[in-house]
C-alpha atoms as a PDB file:
ATOM      1  CA  UNK A   1     -87.850 -98.870  94.687  1.00  0.00           C
ATOM      2  CA  UNK A   2     -86.524 -98.292  98.188  1.00  0.00           C
ATOM      3  CA  UNK A   3     -87.332-100.409 101.196  1.00  0.00           C
ATOM      4  CA  UNK A   4     -87.573 -99.242 104.782  1.00  0.00           C
ATOM      5  CA  UNK A   5     -88.267-102.755 106.052  1.00  0.00           C
ATOM      6  CA  UNK A   6     -87.428-106.195 104.653  1.00  0.00           C
ATOM      7  CA  UNK A   7     -90.174-107.508 102.363  1.00  0.00           C
ATOM      8  CA  UNK A   8     -92.384-110.350 103.442  1.00  0.00           C
ATOM      9  CA  UNK A   9     -92.665-113.354 101.185  1.00  0.00           C
ATOM     10  CA  UNK A  10     -95.819-114.757  99.690  1.00  0.00           C
ATOM     11  CA  UNK A  11     -97.451-111.580  98.333  1.00  0.00           C
ATOM     12  CA  UNK A  12    -100.903-112.482  97.049  1.00  0.00           C
ATOM     13  CA  UNK A  13    -102.769-109.173  96.767  1.00  0.00           C
ATOM     14  CA  UNK A  14    -102.390-105.423  96.333  1.00  0.00           C
ATOM     15  CA  UNK A  15    -104.935-102.948  97.650  1.00  0.00           C
ATOM     16  CA  UNK A  16    -104.780 -99.718  95.641  1.00  0.00           C
ATOM     17  CA  UNK A  17    -105.962 -96.226  96.319  1.00  0.00           C
ATOM     18  CA  UNK A  18    -107.580 -94.827  93.162  1.00  0.00           C
ATOM     19  CA  UNK A  19    -106.925 -91.112  92.631  1.00  0.00           C
ATOM     20  CA  UNK A  20    -103.253 -90.313  92.206  1.00  0.00           C
ATOM     21  CA  UNK A  21    -102.345 -94.009  91.943  1.00  0.00           C
ATOM     22  CA  UNK A  22    -104.426 -95.624  89.205  1.00  0.00           C
ATOM     23  CA  UNK A  23    -105.918 -92.485  87.668  1.00  0.00           C
ATOM     24  CA  UNK A  24    -104.751 -88.915  87.169  1.00  0.00           C
ATOM     25  CA  UNK A  25    -107.762 -86.960  88.385  1.00  0.00           C
ATOM     26  CA  UNK A  26    -106.086 -84.021  90.102  1.00  0.00           C
ATOM     27  CA  UNK A  27    -107.163 -81.353  87.617  1.00  0.00           C
ATOM     28  CA  UNK A  28    -110.734 -82.662  87.532  1.00  0.00           C
ATOM     29  CA  UNK A  29    -110.856 -82.511  91.323  1.00  0.00           C
ATOM     30  CA  UNK A  30    -109.554 -78.946  91.200  1.00  0.00           C
ATOM     31  CA  UNK A  31    -112.285 -77.885  88.772  1.00  0.00           C
ATOM     32  CA  UNK A  32    -115.041 -79.752  90.627  1.00  0.00           C
ATOM     33  CA  UNK A  33    -113.982 -78.304  93.967  1.00  0.00           C
ATOM     34  CA  UNK A  34    -113.865 -74.754  92.575  1.00  0.00           C
ATOM     35  CA  UNK A  35    -117.332 -75.126  91.050  1.00  0.00           C
ATOM     36  CA  UNK A  36    -118.786 -76.562  94.254  1.00  0.00           C
ATOM     37  CA  UNK A  37    -117.208 -73.823  96.355  1.00  0.00           C
ATOM     38  CA  UNK A  38    -118.572 -71.045  94.152  1.00  0.00           C
ATOM     39  CA  UNK A  39    -122.031 -72.600  94.052  1.00  0.00           C
ATOM     40  CA  UNK A  40    -122.382 -73.214  97.791  1.00  0.00           C
ATOM     41  CA  UNK A  41    -120.044 -70.739  99.502  1.00  0.00           C
ATOM     42  CA  UNK A  42    -119.862 -67.936  96.963  1.00  0.00           C
ATOM     43  CA  UNK A  43    -117.319 -66.141  94.771  1.00  0.00           C
ATOM     44  CA  UNK A  44    -113.678 -66.040  95.737  1.00  0.00           C
ATOM     45  CA  UNK A  45    -110.667 -68.330  95.591  1.00  0.00           C
ATOM     46  CA  UNK A  46    -111.508 -71.906  96.526  1.00  0.00           C
ATOM     47  CA  UNK A  47    -109.031 -73.295  99.111  1.00  0.00           C
ATOM     48  CA  UNK A  48    -107.970 -76.209  96.927  1.00  0.00           C
ATOM     49  CA  UNK A  49    -104.419 -76.278  98.279  1.00  0.00           C
ATOM     50  CA  UNK A  50    -105.789 -77.024 101.735  1.00  0.00           C
ATOM     51  CA  UNK A  51    -108.274 -79.531 100.315  1.00  0.00           C
ATOM     52  CA  UNK A  52    -105.488 -81.365  98.484  1.00  0.00           C
ATOM     53  CA  UNK A  53    -103.663 -81.940 101.765  1.00  0.00           C
ATOM     54  CA  UNK A  54    -106.587 -84.136 102.856  1.00  0.00           C
ATOM     55  CA  UNK A  55    -106.795 -86.255  99.704  1.00  0.00           C
ATOM     56  CA  UNK A  56    -107.455 -89.918 100.352  1.00  0.00           C
ATOM     57  CA  UNK A  57    -110.137 -89.128 102.906  1.00  0.00           C
ATOM     58  CA  UNK A  58    -113.902 -89.208 102.420  1.00  0.00           C
ATOM     59  CA  UNK A  59    -115.209 -85.894 101.022  1.00  0.00           C
ATOM     60  CA  UNK A  60    -117.680 -85.153 103.868  1.00  0.00           C
ATOM     61  CA  UNK A  61    -114.901 -85.737 106.413  1.00  0.00           C
ATOM     62  CA  UNK A  62    -112.684 -83.254 104.576  1.00  0.00           C
ATOM     63  CA  UNK A  63    -115.470 -80.669 104.610  1.00  0.00           C
ATOM     64  CA  UNK A  64    -115.857 -81.094 108.368  1.00  0.00           C
ATOM     65  CA  UNK A  65    -112.104 -80.789 108.850  1.00  0.00           C
ATOM     66  CA  UNK A  66    -111.991 -77.603 106.762  1.00  0.00           C
ATOM     67  CA  UNK A  67    -115.139 -76.100 108.255  1.00  0.00           C
ATOM     68  CA  UNK A  68    -116.880 -75.997 104.879  1.00  0.00           C
ATOM     69  CA  UNK A  69    -120.554 -76.795 104.183  1.00  0.00           C
ATOM     70  CA  UNK A  70    -121.384 -80.455 103.665  1.00  0.00           C
ATOM     71  CA  UNK A  71    -123.719 -79.230 100.905  1.00  0.00           C
ATOM     72  CA  UNK A  72    -120.620 -78.891  98.702  1.00  0.00           C
ATOM     73  CA  UNK A  73    -120.645 -82.652  98.168  1.00  0.00           C
ATOM     74  CA  UNK A  74    -123.609 -82.568  95.760  1.00  0.00           C
ATOM     75  CA  UNK A  75    -122.143 -80.147  93.219  1.00  0.00           C
ATOM     76  CA  UNK A  76    -118.659 -81.638  93.671  1.00  0.00           C
ATOM     77  CA  UNK A  77    -119.944 -85.083  92.729  1.00  0.00           C
ATOM     78  CA  UNK A  78    -122.043 -83.674  89.883  1.00  0.00           C
ATOM     79  CA  UNK A  79    -119.068 -81.859  88.383  1.00  0.00           C
ATOM     80  CA  UNK A  80    -116.808 -84.880  88.891  1.00  0.00           C
ATOM     81  CA  UNK A  81    -119.209 -86.977  86.821  1.00  0.00           C
ATOM     82  CA  UNK A  82    -119.521 -84.252  84.188  1.00  0.00           C
ATOM     83  CA  UNK A  83    -115.758 -83.988  83.817  1.00  0.00           C
ATOM     84  CA  UNK A  84    -115.049 -87.719  84.081  1.00  0.00           C
ATOM     85  CA  UNK A  85    -113.867 -87.938  80.467  1.00  0.00           C
ATOM     86  CA  UNK A  86    -110.899 -85.768  81.457  1.00  0.00           C
ATOM     87  CA  UNK A  87    -109.643 -88.361  83.947  1.00  0.00           C
ATOM     88  CA  UNK A  88    -106.871 -90.528  82.511  1.00  0.00           C
ATOM     89  CA  UNK A  89    -105.102 -93.686  83.599  1.00  0.00           C
ATOM     90  CA  UNK A  90    -101.493 -92.995  84.509  1.00  0.00           C
ATOM     91  CA  UNK A  91     -99.151 -94.178  81.736  1.00  0.00           C
ATOM     92  CA  UNK A  92     -97.886 -97.683  82.357  1.00  0.00           C
ATOM     93  CA  UNK A  93    -100.451 -98.593  85.003  1.00  0.00           C
ATOM     94  CA  UNK A  94    -102.648-100.813  82.813  1.00  0.00           C
ATOM     95  CA  UNK A  95     -99.654-102.770  81.533  1.00  0.00           C
ATOM     96  CA  UNK A  96     -98.330-103.278  85.072  1.00  0.00           C
ATOM     97  CA  UNK A  97    -101.718-104.441  86.329  1.00  0.00           C
ATOM     98  CA  UNK A  98    -101.989-106.955  83.509  1.00  0.00           C
ATOM     99  CA  UNK A  99     -98.490-108.300  84.205  1.00  0.00           C
ATOM    100  CA  UNK A 100     -99.098-108.602  87.944  1.00  0.00           C
ATOM    101  CA  UNK A 101    -102.408-110.373  87.348  1.00  0.00           C
ATOM    102  CA  UNK A 102    -100.634-112.816  85.066  1.00  0.00           C
ATOM    103  CA  UNK A 103     -98.271-113.479  87.975  1.00  0.00           C
ATOM    104  CA  UNK A 104    -101.290-114.494  90.061  1.00  0.00           C
ATOM    105  CA  UNK A 105    -101.813-111.369  92.175  1.00  0.00           C
ATOM    106  CA  UNK A 106    -105.313-110.180  93.035  1.00  0.00           C
ATOM    107  CA  UNK A 107    -106.350-106.531  93.308  1.00  0.00           C
ATOM    108  CA  UNK A 108    -108.794-104.376  95.211  1.00  0.00           C
ATOM    109  CA  UNK A 109    -109.391-100.633  95.119  1.00  0.00           C
ATOM    110  CA  UNK A 110    -109.957 -98.880  98.446  1.00  0.00           C
ATOM    111  CA  UNK A 111    -110.806 -95.262  97.727  1.00  0.00           C
ATOM    112  CA  UNK A 112    -111.990 -92.104  99.414  1.00  0.00           C
ATOM    113  CA  UNK A 113    -114.633 -91.843  96.681  1.00  0.00           C
ATOM    114  CA  UNK A 114    -118.016 -93.469  97.038  1.00  0.00           C
ATOM    115  CA  UNK A 115    -118.111 -96.989  95.690  1.00  0.00           C
ATOM    116  CA  UNK A 116    -120.581 -96.088  92.934  1.00  0.00           C
ATOM    117  CA  UNK A 117    -118.403 -93.231  91.667  1.00  0.00           C
ATOM    118  CA  UNK A 118    -115.243 -95.336  91.744  1.00  0.00           C
ATOM    119  CA  UNK A 119    -116.774 -98.248  89.857  1.00  0.00           C
ATOM    120  CA  UNK A 120    -118.372 -95.910  87.323  1.00  0.00           C
ATOM    121  CA  UNK A 121    -115.031 -94.229  86.639  1.00  0.00           C
ATOM    122  CA  UNK A 122    -113.111 -97.498  86.284  1.00  0.00           C
ATOM    123  CA  UNK A 123    -115.798 -98.861  83.970  1.00  0.00           C
ATOM    124  CA  UNK A 124    -115.623 -95.710  81.847  1.00  0.00           C
ATOM    125  CA  UNK A 125    -111.860 -96.199  81.607  1.00  0.00           C
ATOM    126  CA  UNK A 126    -112.392 -99.865  80.673  1.00  0.00           C
ATOM    127  CA  UNK A 127    -110.264-101.285  83.500  1.00  0.00           C
ATOM    128  CA  UNK A 128    -112.922-102.205  86.076  1.00  0.00           C
ATOM    129  CA  UNK A 129    -112.495-105.875  85.127  1.00  0.00           C
ATOM    130  CA  UNK A 130    -108.872-105.811  86.307  1.00  0.00           C
ATOM    131  CA  UNK A 131    -109.954-105.418  89.933  1.00  0.00           C
ATOM    132  CA  UNK A 132    -111.522-108.178  91.983  1.00  0.00           C
ATOM    133  CA  UNK A 133    -113.243-105.654  94.266  1.00  0.00           C
ATOM    134  CA  UNK A 134    -113.740-101.878  94.368  1.00  0.00           C
ATOM    135  CA  UNK A 135    -114.700-100.441  97.762  1.00  0.00           C
ATOM    136  CA  UNK A 136    -115.714 -96.870  98.498  1.00  0.00           C
ATOM    137  CA  UNK A 137    -115.484 -94.993 101.768  1.00  0.00           C
ATOM    138  CA  UNK A 138    -119.263 -94.972 102.018  1.00  0.00           C
ATOM    139  CA  UNK A 139    -119.247 -98.784 102.119  1.00  0.00           C
ATOM    140  CA  UNK A 140    -117.325 -99.223 105.381  1.00  0.00           C
ATOM    141  CA  UNK A 141    -118.100 -98.035 108.928  1.00  0.00           C
ATOM    142  CA  UNK A 142    -115.064 -95.735 109.129  1.00  0.00           C
ATOM    143  CA  UNK A 143    -113.132 -94.285 106.172  1.00  0.00           C
ATOM    144  CA  UNK A 144    -109.361 -93.810 106.023  1.00  0.00           C
ATOM    145  CA  UNK A 145    -107.217 -93.321 108.065  1.00  0.00           C
ATOM    146  CA  UNK A 146    -109.109 -96.058 109.946  1.00  0.00           C
ATOM    147  CA  UNK A 147    -108.196 -99.590 108.809  1.00  0.00           C
ATOM    148  CA  UNK A 148    -111.779-100.598 107.926  1.00  0.00           C
ATOM    149  CA  UNK A 149    -111.558-100.214 104.151  1.00  0.00           C
ATOM    150  CA  UNK A 150    -108.293-102.155 103.889  1.00  0.00           C
ATOM    151  CA  UNK A 151    -109.577-104.877 106.197  1.00  0.00           C
ATOM    152  CA  UNK A 152    -112.745-105.123 104.110  1.00  0.00           C
ATOM    153  CA  UNK A 153    -110.663-105.477 100.963  1.00  0.00           C
ATOM    154  CA  UNK A 154    -108.630-108.271 102.535  1.00  0.00           C
ATOM    155  CA  UNK A 155    -111.803-109.989 103.680  1.00  0.00           C
ATOM    156  CA  UNK A 156    -113.281-109.896 100.176  1.00  0.00           C
ATOM    157  CA  UNK A 157    -110.015-111.039  98.615  1.00  0.00           C
ATOM    158  CA  UNK A 158    -109.619-113.836 101.148  1.00  0.00           C
ATOM    159  CA  UNK A 159    -106.041-112.757 101.866  1.00  0.00           C
ATOM    160  CA  UNK A 160    -104.303-112.384 105.228  1.00  0.00           C
ATOM    161  CA  UNK A 161    -102.604-109.039 106.023  1.00  0.00           C
ATOM    162  CA  UNK A 162     -99.123-110.541 105.815  1.00  0.00           C
ATOM    163  CA  UNK A 163     -99.763-111.497 102.196  1.00  0.00           C
ATOM    164  CA  UNK A 164    -100.886-108.041 101.030  1.00  0.00           C
ATOM    165  CA  UNK A 165     -99.696-104.476 100.521  1.00  0.00           C
ATOM    166  CA  UNK A 166    -101.556-101.175 100.244  1.00  0.00           C
ATOM    167  CA  UNK A 167    -100.378 -98.715  97.569  1.00  0.00           C
ATOM    168  CA  UNK A 168    -101.412 -95.106  98.072  1.00  0.00           C
ATOM    169  CA  UNK A 169    -100.378 -91.509  97.464  1.00  0.00           C
ATOM    170  CA  UNK A 170    -101.662 -89.988 100.716  1.00  0.00           C
ATOM    171  CA  UNK A 171    -100.611 -90.167 104.336  1.00  0.00           C
ATOM    172  CA  UNK A 172    -104.098 -91.434 105.151  1.00  0.00           C
ATOM    173  CA  UNK A 173    -103.480 -94.440 102.888  1.00  0.00           C
ATOM    174  CA  UNK A 174    -100.304 -95.301 104.745  1.00  0.00           C
ATOM    175  CA  UNK A 175    -102.013 -94.918 108.117  1.00  0.00           C
ATOM    176  CA  UNK A 176    -104.908 -97.134 107.025  1.00  0.00           C
ATOM    177  CA  UNK A 177    -102.477 -99.788 105.806  1.00  0.00           C
ATOM    178  CA  UNK A 178    -100.439 -99.700 108.990  1.00  0.00           C
ATOM    179  CA  UNK A 179    -103.524-100.034 111.176  1.00  0.00           C
ATOM    180  CA  UNK A 180    -104.695-102.991 109.090  1.00  0.00           C
ATOM    181  CA  UNK A 181    -101.368-104.767 109.487  1.00  0.00           C
ATOM    182  CA  UNK A 182    -100.311-104.649 105.845  1.00  0.00           C
ATOM    183  CA  UNK A 183     -97.179-103.152 104.335  1.00  0.00           C
ATOM    184  CA  UNK A 184     -97.619 -99.633 103.007  1.00  0.00           C
ATOM    185  CA  UNK A 185     -96.359 -98.591  99.572  1.00  0.00           C
ATOM    186  CA  UNK A 186     -95.942 -94.861  98.938  1.00  0.00           C
ATOM    187  CA  UNK A 187     -96.713 -93.954  95.323  1.00  0.00           C
ATOM    188  CA  UNK A 188     -94.837 -90.902  94.025  1.00  0.00           C
ATOM    189  CA  UNK A 189     -95.825 -90.634  90.344  1.00  0.00           C
ATOM    190  CA  UNK A 190     -98.819 -88.337  90.919  1.00  0.00           C
ATOM    191  CA  UNK A 191     -99.116 -84.838  92.340  1.00  0.00           C
ATOM    192  CA  UNK A 192     -99.143 -85.799  96.007  1.00  0.00           C
ATOM    193  CA  UNK A 193     -96.844 -84.319  98.636  1.00  0.00           C
ATOM    194  CA  UNK A 194     -93.842 -86.631  98.358  1.00  0.00           C
ATOM    195  CA  UNK A 195     -92.079 -85.169 101.376  1.00  0.00           C
ATOM    196  CA  UNK A 196     -95.099 -85.785 103.600  1.00  0.00           C
ATOM    197  CA  UNK A 197     -95.405 -89.347 102.309  1.00  0.00           C
ATOM    198  CA  UNK A 198     -91.762 -90.123 102.986  1.00  0.00           C
ATOM    199  CA  UNK A 199     -91.971 -88.518 106.426  1.00  0.00           C
ATOM    200  CA  UNK A 200     -94.836 -90.888 107.254  1.00  0.00           C
ATOM    201  CA  UNK A 201     -92.431 -93.819 107.038  1.00  0.00           C
ATOM    202  CA  UNK A 202     -93.863 -96.106 104.348  1.00  0.00           C
ATOM    203  CA  UNK A 203     -92.517 -99.634 104.124  1.00  0.00           C
ATOM    204  CA  UNK A 204     -91.789 -99.248 100.415  1.00  0.00           C
ATOM    205  CA  UNK A 205     -91.526 -96.336  97.984  1.00  0.00           C
ATOM    206  CA  UNK A 206     -92.252 -96.578  94.254  1.00  0.00           C
ATOM    207  CA  UNK A 207     -91.635 -93.766  91.805  1.00  0.00           C
ATOM    208  CA  UNK A 208     -92.930 -95.410  88.631  1.00  0.00           C
ATOM    209  CA  UNK A 209     -95.694 -97.976  88.033  1.00  0.00           C
ATOM    210  CA  UNK A 210     -93.087-100.370  86.666  1.00  0.00           C
ATOM    211  CA  UNK A 211     -91.422-100.539  90.080  1.00  0.00           C
ATOM    212  CA  UNK A 212     -94.538-102.338  91.348  1.00  0.00           C
ATOM    213  CA  UNK A 213     -93.453-105.349  89.295  1.00  0.00           C
ATOM    214  CA  UNK A 214     -90.667-106.041  91.789  1.00  0.00           C
ATOM    215  CA  UNK A 215     -93.291-106.690  94.485  1.00  0.00           C
ATOM    216  CA  UNK A 216     -94.202-109.972  92.838  1.00  0.00           C
ATOM    217  CA  UNK A 217     -90.676-111.218  93.368  1.00  0.00           C
END
């Protein structure tokens, strides 16, 4: 783990992004996006590479940014549910979460997904109980990169910003963390753009789930 800034003491909570951090859902997103594009827009190559550059944001906001129909959300969500059994927890994540919880840390998920979808997925994977709160982008006034979802997580956890970190695999996660006044942790074990994450200046960088254990001191 590398540090860009000295760590603060007294860490009490970690706010996690979901996709690309807790779960490996990249291929499912690719399939769901392609199906939604074909159904709503028509045949032809779906611009998934461009879509993937916006990961971490709320799906309707990405559609607006890309100039694609908002009607794509329905089939995208439908296909995401249909393919949910293909989503896997990243190796080592469950064990790290259990160890950190035993050290007294509390967890929240702050995701670009809707809250219902996120909780359904975590329940299916049998790890919902490891998180004190799971918050979707549809459950706050402004999704990432605004600080609202991180601030809501801190409010629910009862933890001040100086006693928390936000772990994410997208630049929007880091921006949301920074605006909320918490340290940002760039996660590099998924398929995110590592160069873009590092260029965004995270406070900490972790390349394996096990490196999160050092956060607890």
